[in-house]
N, C-alpha and C. Protein backbone atom coordinates (compact mmCIF):
# COMPACT_ATOMS: atom_id res chain seq x y z
N MET A 1 11.28 -42.47 -10.92
CA MET A 1 10.69 -41.52 -11.85
C MET A 1 10.87 -42.08 -13.26
N ASP A 2 9.77 -42.08 -14.03
CA ASP A 2 9.85 -42.64 -15.37
C ASP A 2 10.19 -41.57 -16.41
N PHE A 3 10.35 -42.01 -17.63
CA PHE A 3 10.72 -41.16 -18.77
C PHE A 3 9.77 -39.97 -18.88
N PHE A 4 8.46 -40.23 -18.82
CA PHE A 4 7.46 -39.17 -19.01
C PHE A 4 7.56 -38.11 -17.92
N GLU A 5 7.77 -38.54 -16.69
CA GLU A 5 7.91 -37.59 -15.58
C GLU A 5 9.16 -36.74 -15.74
N ARG A 6 10.25 -37.38 -16.19
CA ARG A 6 11.50 -36.62 -16.40
C ARG A 6 11.34 -35.60 -17.53
N LEU A 7 10.60 -35.96 -18.56
CA LEU A 7 10.36 -35.04 -19.66
C LEU A 7 9.56 -33.82 -19.16
N ARG A 8 8.54 -34.07 -18.35
CA ARG A 8 7.76 -32.97 -17.75
C ARG A 8 8.63 -32.14 -16.82
N GLU A 9 9.47 -32.82 -16.04
CA GLU A 9 10.34 -32.12 -15.10
C GLU A 9 11.31 -31.18 -15.82
N GLU A 10 11.86 -31.64 -16.92
CA GLU A 10 12.78 -30.78 -17.69
C GLU A 10 12.06 -29.56 -18.24
N ARG A 11 10.85 -29.75 -18.74
CA ARG A 11 10.09 -28.61 -19.26
C ARG A 11 9.83 -27.61 -18.12
N ALA A 12 9.47 -28.12 -16.95
CA ALA A 12 9.21 -27.26 -15.80
C ALA A 12 10.49 -26.56 -15.35
N ARG A 13 11.62 -27.28 -15.35
CA ARG A 13 12.90 -26.69 -14.95
C ARG A 13 13.25 -25.52 -15.86
N LEU A 14 12.92 -25.64 -17.13
CA LEU A 14 13.23 -24.58 -18.08
C LEU A 14 12.17 -23.48 -18.10
N GLY A 15 11.05 -23.71 -17.39
CA GLY A 15 10.00 -22.71 -17.34
C GLY A 15 9.25 -22.55 -18.64
N LEU A 16 9.13 -23.64 -19.38
CA LEU A 16 8.47 -23.60 -20.68
C LEU A 16 7.06 -24.16 -20.60
N THR A 17 6.20 -23.67 -21.46
CA THR A 17 4.85 -24.23 -21.56
C THR A 17 4.89 -25.36 -22.59
N GLN A 18 3.86 -26.18 -22.57
CA GLN A 18 3.77 -27.24 -23.58
C GLN A 18 3.70 -26.64 -24.98
N GLN A 19 3.04 -25.50 -25.11
CA GLN A 19 2.95 -24.85 -26.42
C GLN A 19 4.32 -24.39 -26.91
N GLU A 20 5.16 -23.87 -26.03
CA GLU A 20 6.50 -23.43 -26.42
C GLU A 20 7.34 -24.63 -26.87
N VAL A 21 7.20 -25.75 -26.17
CA VAL A 21 7.92 -26.96 -26.57
C VAL A 21 7.42 -27.43 -27.93
N ALA A 22 6.10 -27.40 -28.12
CA ALA A 22 5.51 -27.81 -29.40
C ALA A 22 6.02 -26.93 -30.53
N ASP A 23 6.09 -25.63 -30.30
CA ASP A 23 6.59 -24.72 -31.33
C ASP A 23 8.04 -25.02 -31.67
N THR A 24 8.85 -25.30 -30.66
CA THR A 24 10.26 -25.60 -30.87
C THR A 24 10.44 -26.89 -31.66
N ALA A 25 9.66 -27.92 -31.29
CA ALA A 25 9.78 -29.22 -31.94
C ALA A 25 8.97 -29.29 -33.24
N ASN A 26 8.25 -28.22 -33.55
CA ASN A 26 7.44 -28.14 -34.76
C ASN A 26 6.38 -29.25 -34.79
N VAL A 27 5.67 -29.41 -33.66
CA VAL A 27 4.59 -30.39 -33.54
C VAL A 27 3.40 -29.70 -32.88
N HIS A 28 2.27 -30.38 -32.84
CA HIS A 28 1.07 -29.86 -32.18
C HIS A 28 1.22 -30.04 -30.68
N VAL A 29 0.59 -29.17 -29.91
CA VAL A 29 0.67 -29.22 -28.46
C VAL A 29 0.12 -30.55 -27.91
N LYS A 30 -0.84 -31.14 -28.60
CA LYS A 30 -1.37 -32.45 -28.16
C LYS A 30 -0.28 -33.51 -28.22
N THR A 31 0.61 -33.39 -29.18
CA THR A 31 1.72 -34.34 -29.29
C THR A 31 2.63 -34.23 -28.07
N VAL A 32 2.89 -33.01 -27.63
CA VAL A 32 3.73 -32.81 -26.44
C VAL A 32 3.04 -33.40 -25.22
N ARG A 33 1.73 -33.21 -25.12
CA ARG A 33 0.98 -33.81 -24.00
C ARG A 33 1.14 -35.33 -24.00
N ARG A 34 1.07 -35.93 -25.18
CA ARG A 34 1.23 -37.38 -25.27
C ARG A 34 2.65 -37.80 -24.89
N TRP A 35 3.65 -37.02 -25.32
CA TRP A 35 5.04 -37.34 -24.97
C TRP A 35 5.20 -37.35 -23.45
N GLU A 36 4.51 -36.44 -22.77
CA GLU A 36 4.66 -36.32 -21.33
C GLU A 36 3.77 -37.27 -20.54
N SER A 37 2.99 -38.09 -21.24
CA SER A 37 2.11 -38.98 -20.50
C SER A 37 2.13 -40.44 -20.95
N GLN A 38 2.23 -40.70 -22.26
CA GLN A 38 2.05 -42.08 -22.68
C GLN A 38 2.85 -42.52 -23.88
N VAL A 39 3.30 -41.62 -24.72
CA VAL A 39 3.98 -41.98 -25.97
C VAL A 39 5.42 -41.48 -25.91
N ALA A 40 6.37 -42.37 -26.17
CA ALA A 40 7.78 -41.97 -26.15
C ALA A 40 8.06 -40.97 -27.26
N ILE A 41 8.87 -39.98 -26.95
CA ILE A 41 9.23 -38.95 -27.91
C ILE A 41 10.23 -39.51 -28.91
N PRO A 42 10.03 -39.29 -30.21
CA PRO A 42 11.01 -39.77 -31.20
C PRO A 42 12.34 -39.03 -31.03
N LEU A 43 13.41 -39.72 -31.34
CA LEU A 43 14.75 -39.17 -31.18
C LEU A 43 14.93 -37.88 -31.98
N ASP A 44 14.41 -37.84 -33.21
CA ASP A 44 14.59 -36.63 -34.02
C ASP A 44 13.85 -35.43 -33.44
N ALA A 45 12.83 -35.66 -32.63
CA ALA A 45 12.12 -34.56 -31.99
C ALA A 45 12.89 -34.03 -30.79
N MET A 46 13.81 -34.82 -30.25
CA MET A 46 14.62 -34.38 -29.10
C MET A 46 15.69 -33.37 -29.51
N ILE A 47 16.11 -33.41 -30.76
CA ILE A 47 17.20 -32.53 -31.21
C ILE A 47 16.87 -31.06 -31.00
N PRO A 48 15.68 -30.57 -31.43
CA PRO A 48 15.38 -29.15 -31.17
C PRO A 48 15.29 -28.82 -29.68
N LEU A 49 14.94 -29.82 -28.86
CA LEU A 49 14.83 -29.57 -27.43
C LEU A 49 16.21 -29.35 -26.79
N LEU A 50 17.22 -29.94 -27.39
CA LEU A 50 18.59 -29.69 -26.92
C LEU A 50 18.92 -28.20 -27.02
N ALA A 51 18.46 -27.58 -28.11
CA ALA A 51 18.77 -26.18 -28.36
C ALA A 51 18.15 -25.24 -27.34
N ILE A 52 17.06 -25.68 -26.68
CA ILE A 52 16.42 -24.81 -25.69
C ILE A 52 16.76 -25.21 -24.27
N GLY A 53 17.74 -26.14 -24.11
CA GLY A 53 18.27 -26.42 -22.78
C GLY A 53 17.86 -27.73 -22.14
N TYR A 54 17.10 -28.56 -22.84
CA TYR A 54 16.73 -29.86 -22.26
C TYR A 54 17.97 -30.70 -22.01
N ASP A 55 18.04 -31.33 -20.86
CA ASP A 55 19.09 -32.30 -20.55
C ASP A 55 18.56 -33.65 -21.05
N VAL A 56 18.85 -33.93 -22.31
CA VAL A 56 18.31 -35.12 -22.96
C VAL A 56 18.84 -36.39 -22.31
N GLN A 57 20.07 -36.36 -21.87
CA GLN A 57 20.63 -37.54 -21.18
C GLN A 57 19.79 -37.85 -19.94
N TYR A 58 19.42 -36.82 -19.19
CA TYR A 58 18.61 -37.02 -17.99
C TYR A 58 17.22 -37.57 -18.35
N VAL A 59 16.61 -37.00 -19.38
CA VAL A 59 15.28 -37.47 -19.79
C VAL A 59 15.33 -38.95 -20.16
N ALA A 60 16.36 -39.33 -20.91
CA ALA A 60 16.46 -40.70 -21.40
C ALA A 60 16.86 -41.70 -20.31
N SER A 61 17.79 -41.29 -19.43
CA SER A 61 18.37 -42.27 -18.50
C SER A 61 18.10 -42.00 -17.03
N GLY A 62 17.73 -40.80 -16.69
CA GLY A 62 17.55 -40.46 -15.28
C GLY A 62 18.83 -39.97 -14.62
N VAL A 63 19.91 -39.86 -15.39
CA VAL A 63 21.20 -39.40 -14.87
C VAL A 63 21.50 -38.05 -15.51
N ARG A 64 21.72 -37.05 -14.67
CA ARG A 64 22.03 -35.71 -15.17
C ARG A 64 23.33 -35.71 -15.96
N SER A 65 23.39 -34.87 -16.97
CA SER A 65 24.60 -34.75 -17.78
C SER A 65 25.74 -34.23 -16.92
N LYS A 66 26.90 -34.80 -17.11
CA LYS A 66 28.07 -34.37 -16.34
C LYS A 66 28.61 -33.05 -16.83
N ASN A 67 28.24 -32.65 -18.04
CA ASN A 67 28.83 -31.44 -18.61
C ASN A 67 28.03 -30.17 -18.33
N ILE A 68 26.99 -30.26 -17.50
CA ILE A 68 26.21 -29.05 -17.20
C ILE A 68 27.11 -27.98 -16.59
N ASN A 69 27.94 -28.34 -15.61
CA ASN A 69 28.84 -27.35 -15.00
C ASN A 69 29.86 -26.86 -16.01
N GLU A 70 30.36 -27.75 -16.84
CA GLU A 70 31.36 -27.38 -17.85
C GLU A 70 30.76 -26.39 -18.84
N VAL A 71 29.54 -26.62 -19.23
CA VAL A 71 28.89 -25.70 -20.17
C VAL A 71 28.73 -24.33 -19.53
N ARG A 72 28.33 -24.30 -18.26
CA ARG A 72 28.18 -23.02 -17.57
C ARG A 72 29.52 -22.29 -17.48
N GLU A 73 30.60 -23.03 -17.19
CA GLU A 73 31.92 -22.41 -17.06
C GLU A 73 32.38 -21.78 -18.36
N LYS A 74 31.94 -22.28 -19.48
CA LYS A 74 32.34 -21.73 -20.78
C LYS A 74 31.51 -20.50 -21.15
N GLY A 75 30.63 -20.08 -20.27
CA GLY A 75 29.87 -18.86 -20.52
C GLY A 75 28.51 -19.08 -21.13
N VAL A 76 28.11 -20.32 -21.35
CA VAL A 76 26.79 -20.60 -21.89
C VAL A 76 25.94 -21.13 -20.75
N ASP A 77 24.89 -20.43 -20.43
CA ASP A 77 24.03 -20.84 -19.32
C ASP A 77 23.13 -21.97 -19.79
N TYR A 78 23.32 -23.13 -19.22
CA TYR A 78 22.58 -24.32 -19.63
C TYR A 78 21.15 -24.28 -19.09
N GLU A 79 20.97 -23.72 -17.92
CA GLU A 79 19.64 -23.66 -17.33
C GLU A 79 18.97 -22.35 -17.70
N VAL A 80 17.67 -22.38 -17.75
CA VAL A 80 16.88 -21.19 -18.03
C VAL A 80 15.96 -20.98 -16.84
N ALA A 81 15.98 -19.78 -16.32
CA ALA A 81 15.14 -19.49 -15.15
C ALA A 81 13.67 -19.62 -15.51
N PRO A 82 12.86 -20.13 -14.61
CA PRO A 82 11.43 -20.27 -14.87
C PRO A 82 10.79 -18.92 -15.17
N GLY A 83 9.80 -18.94 -16.01
CA GLY A 83 9.05 -17.73 -16.31
C GLY A 83 9.58 -16.92 -17.48
N HIS A 84 10.61 -17.37 -18.15
CA HIS A 84 11.13 -16.63 -19.30
C HIS A 84 10.37 -17.05 -20.55
N SER A 85 10.01 -16.07 -21.37
CA SER A 85 9.29 -16.36 -22.60
C SER A 85 10.26 -16.75 -23.70
N ARG A 86 9.72 -17.27 -24.77
CA ARG A 86 10.53 -17.66 -25.92
C ARG A 86 11.25 -16.43 -26.50
N ASP A 87 10.57 -15.29 -26.52
CA ASP A 87 11.19 -14.05 -27.02
C ASP A 87 12.42 -13.69 -26.19
N GLU A 88 12.30 -13.81 -24.86
CA GLU A 88 13.43 -13.49 -23.99
C GLU A 88 14.60 -14.44 -24.24
N LEU A 89 14.30 -15.71 -24.46
CA LEU A 89 15.36 -16.68 -24.74
C LEU A 89 16.04 -16.36 -26.07
N ASP A 90 15.23 -15.98 -27.08
CA ASP A 90 15.79 -15.62 -28.38
C ASP A 90 16.68 -14.39 -28.26
N LEU A 91 16.24 -13.41 -27.46
CA LEU A 91 17.07 -12.21 -27.25
C LEU A 91 18.39 -12.56 -26.56
N LEU A 92 18.32 -13.45 -25.58
CA LEU A 92 19.52 -13.87 -24.87
C LEU A 92 20.50 -14.56 -25.82
N ARG A 93 19.98 -15.45 -26.66
CA ARG A 93 20.85 -16.13 -27.63
C ARG A 93 21.50 -15.12 -28.59
N SER A 94 20.70 -14.16 -29.05
CA SER A 94 21.23 -13.14 -29.95
C SER A 94 22.30 -12.30 -29.25
N TYR A 95 22.04 -11.94 -27.99
CA TYR A 95 23.00 -11.15 -27.22
C TYR A 95 24.33 -11.89 -27.07
N ARG A 96 24.24 -13.18 -26.80
CA ARG A 96 25.46 -13.97 -26.61
C ARG A 96 26.29 -14.08 -27.88
N ALA A 97 25.64 -13.90 -29.03
CA ALA A 97 26.36 -13.98 -30.30
C ALA A 97 27.08 -12.68 -30.65
N LEU A 98 26.84 -11.61 -29.90
CA LEU A 98 27.44 -10.30 -30.19
C LEU A 98 28.88 -10.22 -29.69
N THR A 99 29.63 -9.32 -30.32
CA THR A 99 30.98 -9.02 -29.84
C THR A 99 30.85 -8.14 -28.60
N PRO A 100 31.92 -7.99 -27.82
CA PRO A 100 31.83 -7.12 -26.63
C PRO A 100 31.39 -5.69 -26.97
N GLY A 101 31.88 -5.15 -28.07
CA GLY A 101 31.47 -3.80 -28.48
C GLY A 101 30.00 -3.72 -28.83
N GLN A 102 29.53 -4.74 -29.53
CA GLN A 102 28.11 -4.78 -29.90
C GLN A 102 27.24 -4.95 -28.66
N ARG A 103 27.72 -5.72 -27.69
CA ARG A 103 26.96 -5.90 -26.45
C ARG A 103 26.82 -4.56 -25.73
N GLU A 104 27.90 -3.78 -25.71
CA GLU A 104 27.87 -2.47 -25.05
C GLU A 104 26.84 -1.57 -25.73
N GLN A 105 26.82 -1.60 -27.07
CA GLN A 105 25.85 -0.79 -27.81
C GLN A 105 24.42 -1.27 -27.52
N ALA A 106 24.23 -2.57 -27.47
CA ALA A 106 22.90 -3.13 -27.20
C ALA A 106 22.42 -2.71 -25.81
N ARG A 107 23.32 -2.78 -24.83
CA ARG A 107 22.94 -2.37 -23.47
C ARG A 107 22.57 -0.89 -23.43
N ALA A 108 23.33 -0.05 -24.15
CA ALA A 108 23.04 1.38 -24.19
C ALA A 108 21.67 1.63 -24.82
N MET A 109 21.37 0.91 -25.90
CA MET A 109 20.08 1.07 -26.56
C MET A 109 18.94 0.63 -25.63
N LEU A 110 19.14 -0.47 -24.92
CA LEU A 110 18.11 -0.95 -23.99
C LEU A 110 17.91 0.04 -22.85
N ASP A 111 19.00 0.65 -22.37
CA ASP A 111 18.88 1.66 -21.32
C ASP A 111 18.03 2.84 -21.79
N VAL A 112 18.27 3.27 -23.03
CA VAL A 112 17.50 4.39 -23.59
C VAL A 112 16.03 3.99 -23.72
N LEU A 113 15.78 2.79 -24.25
CA LEU A 113 14.40 2.33 -24.39
C LEU A 113 13.71 2.21 -23.04
N ALA A 114 14.40 1.69 -22.06
CA ALA A 114 13.82 1.56 -20.72
C ALA A 114 13.52 2.93 -20.13
N LEU A 115 14.43 3.90 -20.34
CA LEU A 115 14.21 5.26 -19.85
C LEU A 115 12.99 5.86 -20.53
N LYS A 116 12.87 5.65 -21.85
CA LYS A 116 11.75 6.18 -22.60
C LYS A 116 10.44 5.57 -22.09
N VAL A 117 10.45 4.30 -21.78
CA VAL A 117 9.25 3.64 -21.25
C VAL A 117 8.88 4.26 -19.92
N ARG A 118 9.86 4.52 -19.05
CA ARG A 118 9.57 5.13 -17.75
C ARG A 118 8.96 6.51 -17.93
N VAL A 119 9.49 7.29 -18.89
CA VAL A 119 8.98 8.64 -19.15
C VAL A 119 7.54 8.55 -19.65
N VAL A 120 7.27 7.65 -20.58
CA VAL A 120 5.93 7.50 -21.12
C VAL A 120 4.96 7.09 -20.02
N VAL A 121 5.38 6.18 -19.15
CA VAL A 121 4.51 5.77 -18.04
C VAL A 121 4.22 6.94 -17.13
N ARG A 122 5.26 7.73 -16.80
CA ARG A 122 5.04 8.90 -15.95
C ARG A 122 4.09 9.89 -16.61
N GLU A 123 4.31 10.14 -17.94
CA GLU A 123 3.45 11.08 -18.64
C GLU A 123 2.01 10.58 -18.68
N SER A 124 1.82 9.29 -18.90
CA SER A 124 0.45 8.77 -18.94
C SER A 124 -0.20 8.84 -17.56
N ARG A 125 0.58 8.62 -16.51
CA ARG A 125 0.03 8.74 -15.15
C ARG A 125 -0.35 10.19 -14.87
N ALA A 126 0.52 11.12 -15.28
CA ALA A 126 0.23 12.54 -15.06
C ALA A 126 -1.00 12.95 -15.87
N ALA A 127 -1.12 12.47 -17.09
CA ALA A 127 -2.28 12.79 -17.91
C ALA A 127 -3.55 12.22 -17.29
N ALA A 128 -3.47 11.02 -16.76
CA ALA A 128 -4.64 10.40 -16.12
C ALA A 128 -5.03 11.20 -14.88
N ALA A 129 -4.05 11.64 -14.10
CA ALA A 129 -4.34 12.44 -12.90
C ALA A 129 -4.97 13.77 -13.30
N GLY A 130 -4.45 14.38 -14.36
CA GLY A 130 -5.01 15.64 -14.85
C GLY A 130 -6.44 15.46 -15.33
N ALA A 131 -6.70 14.36 -16.00
CA ALA A 131 -8.06 14.08 -16.49
C ALA A 131 -9.01 13.87 -15.32
N ARG A 132 -8.55 13.20 -14.27
CA ARG A 132 -9.40 12.99 -13.08
C ARG A 132 -9.72 14.33 -12.43
N LYS A 133 -8.72 15.21 -12.31
CA LYS A 133 -8.95 16.53 -11.71
C LYS A 133 -9.93 17.34 -12.55
N ALA A 134 -9.77 17.27 -13.87
CA ALA A 134 -10.67 18.02 -14.75
C ALA A 134 -12.10 17.51 -14.63
N ARG A 135 -12.26 16.17 -14.56
CA ARG A 135 -13.60 15.60 -14.43
C ARG A 135 -14.23 16.01 -13.10
N SER A 136 -13.46 15.98 -12.01
CA SER A 136 -14.03 16.34 -10.71
C SER A 136 -14.36 17.83 -10.68
N ALA A 137 -13.54 18.68 -11.30
CA ALA A 137 -13.84 20.11 -11.35
C ALA A 137 -15.09 20.36 -12.19
N GLN A 138 -15.20 19.62 -13.30
CA GLN A 138 -16.36 19.76 -14.16
C GLN A 138 -17.61 19.30 -13.43
N ALA A 139 -17.51 18.23 -12.68
CA ALA A 139 -18.65 17.72 -11.92
C ALA A 139 -19.06 18.72 -10.84
N ALA A 140 -18.09 19.36 -10.22
CA ALA A 140 -18.39 20.35 -9.18
C ALA A 140 -19.10 21.56 -9.78
N GLU A 141 -18.70 21.96 -11.00
CA GLU A 141 -19.33 23.11 -11.65
C GLU A 141 -20.75 22.79 -12.08
N SER A 142 -20.99 21.56 -12.50
CA SER A 142 -22.31 21.21 -13.01
C SER A 142 -23.30 20.88 -11.90
N THR A 143 -22.83 20.65 -10.69
CA THR A 143 -23.71 20.36 -9.56
C THR A 143 -24.21 21.67 -9.00
N PRO A 144 -25.55 21.88 -8.99
CA PRO A 144 -26.06 23.16 -8.46
C PRO A 144 -25.87 23.23 -6.95
N GLU A 145 -25.59 24.46 -6.49
CA GLU A 145 -25.43 24.66 -5.05
C GLU A 145 -26.81 24.63 -4.40
N PRO A 146 -26.92 24.05 -3.23
CA PRO A 146 -28.24 23.97 -2.58
C PRO A 146 -28.70 25.36 -2.13
N SER A 147 -30.00 25.61 -2.22
CA SER A 147 -30.55 26.88 -1.75
C SER A 147 -30.65 26.85 -0.23
N ALA A 148 -31.03 27.95 0.34
CA ALA A 148 -31.11 28.04 1.80
C ALA A 148 -32.10 27.05 2.36
N GLY A 149 -33.24 26.87 1.67
CA GLY A 149 -34.26 25.92 2.13
C GLY A 149 -33.76 24.49 2.06
N GLN A 150 -33.00 24.17 1.00
CA GLN A 150 -32.47 22.82 0.86
C GLN A 150 -31.42 22.54 1.93
N ALA A 151 -30.68 23.59 2.27
CA ALA A 151 -29.63 23.42 3.27
C ALA A 151 -30.26 23.09 4.61
N ARG A 152 -31.42 23.72 4.96
CA ARG A 152 -32.07 23.46 6.22
C ARG A 152 -32.64 22.05 6.29
N SER A 153 -33.14 21.57 5.18
CA SER A 153 -33.75 20.24 5.19
C SER A 153 -32.72 19.16 5.47
N LYS A 154 -31.49 19.43 5.18
CA LYS A 154 -30.45 18.45 5.45
C LYS A 154 -29.98 18.51 6.90
N SER A 155 -30.22 19.64 7.55
CA SER A 155 -29.79 19.75 8.95
C SER A 155 -30.79 19.06 9.86
N ARG A 156 -30.45 18.96 11.12
CA ARG A 156 -31.35 18.30 12.08
C ARG A 156 -32.62 19.14 12.28
N PRO A 157 -33.70 18.44 12.47
CA PRO A 157 -34.94 19.20 12.70
C PRO A 157 -34.88 19.96 14.03
N ARG A 158 -35.56 21.09 14.05
CA ARG A 158 -35.59 21.92 15.26
C ARG A 158 -36.60 21.33 16.25
N ARG A 159 -36.26 21.48 17.49
CA ARG A 159 -37.19 21.04 18.53
C ARG A 159 -37.91 22.28 19.06
N GLY A 160 -39.09 22.14 19.18
CA GLY A 160 -39.81 23.34 19.54
C GLY A 160 -40.66 23.24 20.67
């Protein structure tokens, strides 16, 4: 596996898009595409990638860093699960910087916000169901009832 493949592999391991890497390194997304295919990444551009979890030693040499387990043991998660957005990563970094008391307050606030979201979703579902019932009732009122002659025409013809 060459340098370019390892660079792509690290981005995939972290669940990042090329645009997210470009934003972190403060370059255009086309530059990231070139780094992952044909042009070696400059050393100064690797520094911001360290901050988002790239194993730079692995990218450069093909050998995983020996301190990945050590970093995890100290409470800093070196790996990022795939599918996390930049906002989620920023929130996680901010959370890790909080004191235990502040973390407890943050969790309580998130619980309240999550509860409020659930209530709003339930209310909007109930409102939508009520609107559907009102529309069907309104449609039933506006549809004229068939007369006796119309009712017969819908039934089977008589045999005589």
